[in-house]
Amino acid sequence: MTTITADHADSPAIDAADDNSKSSRKKGFLGLAAAVLLLGGGYFAYDHFIASRHAVTDNAYVGANIAQVTPQIGGAVIEVLVDDTQAVKRGQVLLRIDDVDARLALARAEAQLALTQRRVRGLIATGNGLGAQIASRAADQARAEAQVAAAQSELEKARVDLQRREALVASGSVSGDELTAARNAFNTARSNMKMAEASRAQAAANRQSAVGDRDANSALIANTTPDTNPEVLAAQAEVEQARVNLERTVVRAPVDGVVAKRSVQVGQRVQSGQSLMAVVPLHAAYVDANFKEVQLKHVRPGQNVRLTSDLYGSDVVFTGKVVGFSGGTGAAFAVVPAQNATGNWIKVVQRLPIRIAIDPGQLAEHPLQVGLSMTADIDLTN
C-alpha cells in the first residue's frame, strides 16, 4: 500500500515533465519551420530581385585577334630585330630577309621594260614605213598596168600586121621573109603581153603583202602610245612586282601589340606563308565568356558587363559590353563532336561563348594577357 501511495504521489510531476517536453518540441518545430520559411523567402527574394537580374560565370577567358607574322617571299633571314614579350608598333621592322635575289629580279624587270618600250617605238616607226611602202607598191602596180596596156597595143598591132601579110601571100605581094618577120613580131608581142600581165600580178601581190604587214603592225600598236601599249604595261607590272618583292624582304608588324611565339632565327631559310612569330594586340583584347544555355534567355547585345580577373582580384573591376553570341556551342565546333544520336544519351547543359568588349582605357591602365581567367557578370536589367 505504501508503494502504491508513493506512485500516485509522483504522477503529477511526471505529467508536468511531459508537458514541458512537448512544449519544447513544439517550439523547436515552430522555430525550424520559421527558419525554413525565412530561408525560402530569402532565396526567393534573392532569386527574384538579384539573381534573376544577373547572369554570372567564371568560365570566361581573355582573347585577342592574334596577328600571325608570315613572310610573303622566301629567303634567308639576315636579321631579327625583336624578341618575345617586346611591344611593337604597326609598321615596325621585325626582321629582314636577304634581298640580293630580289634586287637582281628588279634589275632584270627594268631592263626588260626598257627593251619593250624600244620595241614598241620601233613598231610605231615601222607602221609609218609600211604606209610609204604601200604607196610604193601601188605605184609599181600602176606601172605594171601601163605596161600591160602597152604590151596589149603592141600585140594587137602585131596581129593586124600578120593578118595583112598572110592575106597578101597568095598574090605574091609579100615575100616569105616579110611573113616570117611578121609572125616573129606577133609572137614577141604575145610574150611581152604575158610578161606584162605577170608583172602586174606580182605588183598587186606585193601591194597586198605590204597592206597585210601594215595591218599586222597596226594591230600591235592600235589606239596606244609607247606608254599605254599592252606589252609595255605588262613589262611595267613585272617591274612593280619585282619592286614589291624587294620591299617584302623587310617584314613589318601588322598591328600594334606584343611579340609572342617567335620561332625564327638568323640564317634560317623561310618560305612564303611560314609562321615566324605572332603579334598580340593586347590593347584590343576581349573576353569570351561561356555561359550555360539556361542563363541566356535575357542576354542581349549591348548589355553592360562587370568583369574581374584572377590576375588583379576583385579590387580591379573592368566594364564591358556584350558584343554578340557565337555561332555555336563548344561541343558543336569540337574536333570530335558529340554523337547524341548513337548509344545511350545523357543530356548535358551546353555552354555558348559570348563575346564581351572591354573598355580600352581600362585595358591601358590594367593590361590583360590572352588566356587569363575572368569572371563575367552581365546586368540583365538594361
Protein backbone atom coordinates (compact mmCIF):
# COMPACT_ATOMS: atom_id res chain seq x y z
CA MET A 1 0.00 0.00 0.00
CA THR A 2 2.85 2.25 0.79
CA THR A 3 4.30 1.73 -2.70
CA ILE A 4 1.05 2.46 -4.43
CA THR A 5 0.63 5.61 -2.42
CA ALA A 6 4.13 6.79 -3.46
CA ASP A 7 3.46 6.19 -7.20
CA HIS A 8 0.29 8.20 -7.06
CA ALA A 9 2.21 10.94 -5.35
CA ASP A 10 4.81 11.16 -8.22
CA SER A 11 2.24 11.17 -11.08
CA PRO A 12 1.67 14.97 -11.23
CA ALA A 13 5.41 15.59 -11.53
CA ILE A 14 5.72 13.18 -14.43
CA ASP A 15 2.82 14.77 -16.28
CA ALA A 16 4.36 18.20 -15.85
CA ALA A 17 7.65 16.99 -17.30
CA ASP A 18 5.87 15.51 -20.31
CA ASP A 19 4.06 18.76 -20.92
CA ASN A 20 7.32 20.68 -20.79
CA SER A 21 8.94 18.27 -23.26
CA LYS A 22 6.03 18.56 -25.69
CA SER A 23 6.11 22.31 -25.40
CA SER A 24 9.84 22.35 -26.16
CA ARG A 25 9.40 20.11 -29.19
CA LYS A 26 6.58 22.26 -30.45
CA LYS A 27 8.69 25.36 -30.09
CA GLY A 28 11.55 23.60 -31.87
CA PHE A 29 9.36 22.63 -34.82
CA LEU A 30 7.93 26.10 -34.97
CA GLY A 31 11.45 27.55 -34.95
CA LEU A 32 12.56 25.13 -37.69
CA ALA A 33 9.53 25.98 -39.78
CA ALA A 34 10.19 29.65 -39.27
CA ALA A 35 13.83 29.16 -40.29
CA VAL A 36 12.80 27.24 -43.42
CA LEU A 37 10.30 29.91 -44.34
CA LEU A 38 12.88 32.59 -43.71
CA LEU A 39 15.49 30.83 -45.84
CA GLY A 40 12.95 30.11 -48.57
CA GLY A 41 11.76 33.67 -48.55
CA GLY A 42 15.33 34.93 -48.59
CA TYR A 43 16.21 32.67 -51.51
CA PHE A 44 13.09 33.74 -53.39
CA ALA A 45 13.86 37.38 -52.74
CA TYR A 46 17.48 36.92 -53.83
CA ASP A 47 16.49 34.99 -56.94
CA HIS A 48 13.72 37.44 -57.88
CA PHE A 49 15.40 40.74 -57.08
CA ILE A 50 19.11 39.94 -57.61
CA ALA A 51 19.96 36.61 -59.26
CA SER A 52 17.28 36.92 -61.94
CA ARG A 53 18.77 40.25 -62.98
CA HIS A 54 22.32 38.97 -63.43
CA ALA A 55 24.00 36.23 -65.48
CA VAL A 56 27.29 35.27 -63.88
CA THR A 57 30.03 32.83 -64.87
CA ASP A 58 33.67 32.28 -64.04
CA ASN A 59 34.13 30.24 -67.21
CA ALA A 60 35.50 33.24 -69.10
CA TYR A 61 38.89 33.95 -70.60
CA VAL A 62 40.73 36.83 -72.23
CA GLY A 63 41.18 36.61 -76.00
CA ALA A 64 42.50 38.74 -78.86
CA ASN A 65 42.69 38.65 -82.65
CA ILE A 66 46.28 37.45 -82.80
CA ALA A 67 48.17 38.50 -85.95
CA GLN A 68 50.44 35.85 -87.40
CA VAL A 69 53.66 37.19 -88.92
CA THR A 70 54.39 35.33 -92.15
CA PRO A 71 56.76 36.32 -94.99
CA GLN A 72 55.31 36.85 -98.45
CA ILE A 73 58.51 35.72 -100.17
CA GLY A 74 61.09 33.08 -99.31
CA GLY A 75 64.73 33.59 -98.49
CA ALA A 76 67.43 33.50 -95.83
CA VAL A 77 66.86 35.61 -92.72
CA ILE A 78 69.77 38.02 -92.18
CA GLU A 79 68.43 40.00 -89.20
CA VAL A 80 65.81 39.58 -86.46
CA LEU A 81 65.11 42.80 -84.55
CA VAL A 82 62.53 41.71 -81.93
CA ASP A 83 62.01 39.03 -79.34
CA ASP A 84 59.17 37.58 -77.28
CA THR A 85 57.38 39.93 -74.85
CA GLN A 86 58.59 43.01 -76.77
CA ALA A 87 55.99 45.67 -77.56
CA VAL A 88 55.92 46.78 -81.20
CA LYS A 89 54.05 49.35 -83.26
CA ARG A 90 52.33 48.76 -86.57
CA GLY A 91 54.85 49.08 -89.41
CA GLN A 92 57.87 48.49 -87.15
CA VAL A 93 60.55 46.29 -88.74
CA LEU A 94 60.57 42.81 -87.23
CA LEU A 95 63.11 41.04 -89.43
CA ARG A 96 64.92 41.25 -92.76
CA ILE A 97 65.35 38.64 -95.49
CA ASP A 98 68.35 38.57 -97.84
CA ASP A 99 67.36 40.85 -100.75
CA VAL A 100 70.08 40.00 -103.31
CA ASP A 101 67.80 37.85 -105.46
CA ALA A 102 65.00 40.42 -105.26
CA ARG A 103 67.33 43.23 -106.36
CA LEU A 104 68.55 41.19 -109.34
CA ALA A 105 64.98 40.37 -110.31
CA LEU A 106 64.11 44.07 -110.19
CA ALA A 107 67.09 44.93 -112.40
CA ARG A 108 66.06 42.30 -114.97
CA ALA A 109 62.48 43.55 -114.98
CA GLU A 110 63.60 47.16 -115.50
CA ALA A 111 65.87 46.08 -118.39
CA GLN A 112 63.02 44.13 -119.98
CA LEU A 113 60.78 47.18 -119.66
CA ALA A 114 63.33 49.34 -121.47
CA LEU A 115 63.64 46.76 -124.28
CA THR A 116 59.86 46.53 -124.62
CA GLN A 117 59.49 50.31 -124.83
CA ARG A 118 62.13 50.44 -127.59
CA ARG A 119 60.44 47.62 -129.49
CA VAL A 120 57.07 49.38 -129.33
CA ARG A 121 58.61 52.61 -130.59
CA GLY A 122 60.13 50.54 -133.41
CA LEU A 123 56.69 49.13 -134.25
CA ILE A 124 55.28 52.66 -134.47
CA ALA A 125 58.12 53.73 -136.76
CA THR A 126 57.65 50.58 -138.82
CA GLY A 127 53.98 51.45 -139.22
CA ASN A 128 54.92 54.76 -140.81
CA GLY A 129 57.42 52.99 -143.10
CA LEU A 130 54.87 50.39 -144.13
CA GLY A 131 52.50 53.14 -145.18
CA ALA A 132 55.16 54.53 -147.53
CA GLN A 133 55.89 51.01 -148.76
CA ILE A 134 52.23 50.51 -149.66
CA ALA A 135 52.31 53.73 -151.67
CA SER A 136 55.41 52.49 -153.48
CA ARG A 137 53.77 49.13 -154.22
CA ALA A 138 50.70 50.97 -155.51
CA ALA A 139 52.92 52.92 -157.91
CA ASP A 140 54.54 49.66 -159.08
CA GLN A 141 51.10 48.23 -159.67
CA ALA A 142 50.08 51.27 -161.72
CA ARG A 143 53.29 50.99 -163.75
CA ALA A 144 52.56 47.32 -164.38
CA GLU A 145 49.04 48.19 -165.53
CA ALA A 146 50.52 50.70 -168.01
CA GLN A 147 52.97 48.10 -169.24
CA VAL A 148 50.13 45.64 -169.77
CA ALA A 149 48.24 48.26 -171.77
CA ALA A 150 51.31 49.00 -173.91
CA ALA A 151 52.00 45.30 -174.46
CA GLN A 152 48.39 44.76 -175.42
CA SER A 153 48.65 47.54 -178.02
CA GLU A 154 51.86 46.05 -179.42
CA LEU A 155 50.21 42.63 -179.57
CA GLU A 156 47.17 44.00 -181.37
CA LYS A 157 49.38 45.82 -183.92
CA ALA A 158 51.47 42.66 -184.49
CA ARG A 159 48.28 40.62 -185.03
CA VAL A 160 46.97 43.08 -187.62
CA ASP A 161 50.32 43.16 -189.47
CA LEU A 162 50.45 39.37 -189.53
CA GLN A 163 46.88 39.09 -190.84
CA ARG A 164 47.59 41.58 -193.66
CA ARG A 165 50.73 39.77 -194.81
CA GLU A 166 49.04 36.39 -194.63
CA ALA A 167 46.30 37.77 -196.88
CA LEU A 168 48.88 39.01 -199.47
CA VAL A 169 51.00 35.87 -199.55
CA ALA A 170 48.84 34.19 -202.19
CA SER A 171 49.16 37.15 -204.58
CA GLY A 172 52.94 37.27 -204.17
CA SER A 173 52.87 40.81 -202.86
CA VAL A 174 54.61 39.77 -199.64
CA SER A 175 57.75 37.77 -199.53
CA GLY A 176 58.27 34.83 -197.21
CA ASP A 177 60.79 36.77 -195.18
CA GLU A 178 58.27 39.52 -194.50
CA LEU A 179 55.69 36.95 -193.42
CA THR A 180 58.20 35.27 -191.11
CA ALA A 181 59.20 38.63 -189.63
CA ALA A 182 55.52 39.47 -189.04
CA ARG A 183 54.95 36.15 -187.34
CA ASN A 184 58.04 36.64 -185.14
CA ALA A 185 56.87 40.14 -184.22
CA PHE A 186 53.45 38.74 -183.24
CA ASN A 187 54.97 36.00 -181.09
CA THR A 188 57.26 38.53 -179.42
CA ALA A 189 54.36 40.88 -178.71
CA ARG A 190 52.36 37.99 -177.24
CA SER A 191 55.26 37.03 -174.98
CA ASN A 192 55.67 40.66 -173.90
CA MET A 193 51.96 40.72 -173.10
CA LYS A 194 52.28 37.69 -170.84
CA MET A 195 55.33 39.18 -169.13
CA ALA A 196 53.45 42.44 -168.55
CA GLU A 197 50.47 40.57 -167.09
CA ALA A 198 52.83 38.61 -164.81
CA SER A 199 54.47 41.84 -163.67
CA ARG A 200 51.04 43.31 -162.96
CA ALA A 201 50.06 40.27 -160.87
CA GLN A 202 53.35 40.48 -158.95
CA ALA A 203 52.88 44.18 -158.30
CA ALA A 204 49.36 43.54 -156.99
CA ALA A 205 50.65 40.75 -154.75
CA ASN A 206 53.45 42.96 -153.43
CA ARG A 207 50.98 45.70 -152.61
CA GLN A 208 48.66 43.23 -150.85
CA SER A 209 51.60 41.88 -148.84
CA ALA A 210 52.55 45.40 -147.77
CA VAL A 211 48.95 46.05 -146.68
CA GLY A 212 48.98 42.83 -144.62
CA ASP A 213 52.26 43.83 -142.93
CA ARG A 214 50.80 47.24 -142.14
CA ASP A 215 47.62 45.74 -140.69
CA ALA A 216 49.56 43.25 -138.57
CA ASN A 217 51.79 46.03 -137.29
CA SER A 218 48.79 48.27 -136.65
CA ALA A 219 47.12 45.55 -134.56
CA LEU A 220 50.08 45.69 -132.17
CA ILE A 221 50.00 49.45 -131.73
CA ALA A 222 46.37 50.41 -132.44
CA ASN A 223 44.91 53.04 -130.07
CA THR A 224 48.02 53.04 -127.91
CA THR A 225 51.09 55.12 -127.22
CA PRO A 226 54.55 53.92 -126.22
CA ASP A 227 53.39 54.28 -122.57
CA THR A 228 49.97 52.62 -122.89
CA ASN A 229 50.86 49.71 -125.14
CA PRO A 230 49.82 46.37 -123.55
CA GLU A 231 53.32 44.94 -123.84
CA VAL A 232 54.76 47.99 -122.09
CA LEU A 233 52.10 47.79 -119.38
CA ALA A 234 52.88 44.11 -118.82
CA ALA A 235 56.58 44.88 -118.52
CA GLN A 236 55.78 47.72 -116.09
CA ALA A 237 53.70 45.29 -114.00
CA GLU A 238 56.69 42.96 -113.82
CA VAL A 239 58.81 45.86 -112.59
CA GLU A 240 56.22 46.74 -109.93
CA GLN A 241 56.01 43.09 -108.84
CA ALA A 242 59.79 42.90 -108.54
CA ARG A 243 59.81 46.16 -106.57
CA VAL A 244 57.10 44.84 -104.23
CA ASN A 245 59.05 41.62 -103.72
CA LEU A 246 62.09 43.68 -102.79
CA GLU A 247 60.04 45.62 -100.23
CA ARG A 248 58.72 42.35 -98.85
CA THR A 249 62.21 41.31 -97.81
CA VAL A 250 61.58 43.65 -94.86
CA VAL A 251 58.89 42.09 -92.64
CA ARG A 252 56.94 44.60 -90.54
CA ALA A 253 54.48 44.36 -87.67
CA PRO A 254 50.89 44.17 -88.99
CA VAL A 255 49.36 45.67 -85.80
CA ASP A 256 50.32 47.24 -82.51
CA GLY A 257 50.91 44.60 -79.87
CA VAL A 258 53.32 42.31 -78.06
CA VAL A 259 55.57 39.77 -79.81
CA ALA A 260 54.88 36.13 -78.92
CA LYS A 261 55.79 32.65 -80.18
CA ARG A 262 58.91 33.79 -82.04
CA SER A 263 60.35 30.80 -83.87
CA VAL A 264 62.69 32.39 -86.44
CA GLN A 265 66.45 32.72 -86.12
CA VAL A 266 69.16 34.48 -88.15
CA GLY A 267 70.36 32.30 -91.01
CA GLN A 268 67.15 30.32 -91.21
CA ARG A 269 65.71 29.93 -94.70
CA VAL A 270 62.00 30.69 -94.60
CA GLN A 271 59.23 30.03 -97.07
CA SER A 272 56.31 32.20 -98.11
CA GLY A 273 53.45 31.77 -95.66
CA GLN A 274 55.57 30.21 -92.92
CA SER A 275 54.61 31.32 -89.40
CA LEU A 276 57.58 33.12 -87.82
CA MET A 277 56.02 34.82 -84.79
CA ALA A 278 52.78 36.35 -83.57
CA VAL A 279 51.81 39.86 -82.54
CA VAL A 280 49.13 40.00 -79.85
CA PRO A 281 47.10 43.27 -79.84
CA LEU A 282 46.55 43.47 -76.08
CA HIS A 283 45.04 46.94 -76.41
CA ALA A 284 42.13 45.32 -78.27
CA ALA A 285 41.67 42.30 -76.00
CA TYR A 286 38.19 40.93 -75.38
CA VAL A 287 36.59 38.29 -73.18
CA ASP A 288 34.86 35.13 -74.32
CA ALA A 289 32.50 34.09 -71.52
CA ASN A 290 30.99 30.61 -71.74
CA PHE A 291 27.51 30.86 -70.21
CA LYS A 292 25.16 27.96 -69.70
CA GLU A 293 22.33 27.94 -72.18
CA VAL A 294 19.80 28.29 -69.37
CA GLN A 295 21.37 31.65 -68.44
CA LEU A 296 20.97 33.27 -71.84
CA LYS A 297 17.23 33.86 -72.09
CA HIS A 298 17.50 37.58 -71.29
CA VAL A 299 21.03 38.26 -72.55
CA ARG A 300 21.16 40.77 -75.41
CA PRO A 301 23.97 42.58 -77.28
CA GLY A 302 24.79 45.95 -75.75
CA GLN A 303 24.15 44.95 -72.14
CA ASN A 304 26.69 46.09 -69.54
CA VAL A 305 29.08 43.55 -68.06
CA ARG A 306 31.09 43.69 -64.84
CA LEU A 307 34.40 41.84 -65.20
CA THR A 308 37.02 40.83 -62.66
CA SER A 309 40.23 38.92 -63.30
CA ASP A 310 42.13 36.41 -61.23
CA LEU A 311 45.24 38.45 -62.04
CA TYR A 312 44.12 41.66 -60.29
CA GLY A 313 41.44 40.25 -58.00
CA SER A 314 38.15 41.88 -57.05
CA ASP A 315 39.81 45.23 -56.37
CA VAL A 316 40.06 45.95 -60.12
CA VAL A 317 36.72 45.91 -61.95
CA PHE A 318 36.54 46.11 -65.73
CA THR A 319 33.45 47.36 -67.52
CA GLY A 320 32.41 45.83 -70.80
CA LYS A 321 29.50 45.30 -73.17
CA VAL A 322 28.04 42.23 -74.77
CA VAL A 323 29.07 42.24 -78.44
CA GLY A 324 27.33 39.13 -79.66
CA PHE A 325 26.83 35.39 -79.49
CA SER A 326 28.98 32.69 -81.02
CA GLY A 327 27.50 30.77 -83.92
CA GLY A 328 27.54 27.50 -81.98
CA THR A 329 28.48 25.82 -78.74
CA GLY A 330 31.89 24.44 -77.98
CA ALA A 331 30.61 20.90 -78.46
CA ALA A 332 29.32 21.77 -81.95
CA PHE A 333 32.73 23.07 -83.04
CA ALA A 334 34.77 20.37 -81.33
CA VAL A 335 37.22 18.33 -83.41
CA VAL A 336 35.25 15.24 -82.46
CA PRO A 337 31.65 16.49 -81.93
CA ALA A 338 29.30 14.55 -79.68
CA GLN A 339 27.20 11.91 -81.43
CA ASN A 340 23.94 12.27 -79.50
CA ALA A 341 22.05 10.06 -81.94
CA THR A 342 24.03 6.92 -81.03
CA GLY A 343 24.11 4.77 -77.90
CA ASN A 344 22.83 5.85 -74.53
CA TRP A 345 22.22 9.59 -74.30
CA ILE A 346 22.68 11.78 -71.28
CA LYS A 347 21.64 15.39 -71.55
CA VAL A 348 24.42 17.84 -70.71
CA VAL A 349 23.73 21.54 -70.33
CA GLN A 350 25.70 23.24 -73.09
CA ARG A 351 27.68 26.46 -72.88
CA LEU A 352 27.63 29.17 -75.55
CA PRO A 353 30.55 31.63 -75.92
CA ILE A 354 29.54 35.29 -75.53
CA ARG A 355 31.93 37.94 -76.87
CA ILE A 356 32.41 40.86 -74.44
CA ALA A 357 34.27 44.06 -75.38
CA ILE A 358 36.39 45.76 -72.70
CA ASP A 359 36.94 49.48 -72.23
CA PRO A 360 40.29 50.28 -73.96
CA GLY A 361 41.14 52.86 -71.30
CA GLN A 362 40.87 50.25 -68.57
CA LEU A 363 42.98 47.85 -70.61
CA ALA A 364 45.68 50.52 -70.94
CA GLU A 365 45.63 51.04 -67.15
CA HIS A 366 45.45 47.33 -66.25
CA PRO A 367 46.74 45.23 -69.17
CA LEU A 368 45.40 41.71 -69.66
CA GLN A 369 47.12 38.86 -71.44
CA VAL A 370 45.45 36.32 -73.66
CA GLY A 371 44.17 33.27 -71.81
CA LEU A 372 43.76 34.85 -68.35
CA SER A 373 40.73 33.77 -66.32
CA MET A 374 37.89 36.22 -65.80
CA THR A 375 34.56 36.38 -64.01
CA ALA A 376 31.75 37.96 -66.03
CA ASP A 377 28.55 39.39 -64.55
CA ILE A 378 26.00 40.57 -67.13
CA ASP A 379 23.44 43.11 -65.99
CA LEU A 380 20.14 41.88 -67.46
CA THR A 381 18.15 44.94 -66.44
CA ASN A 382 19.28 47.16 -69.31
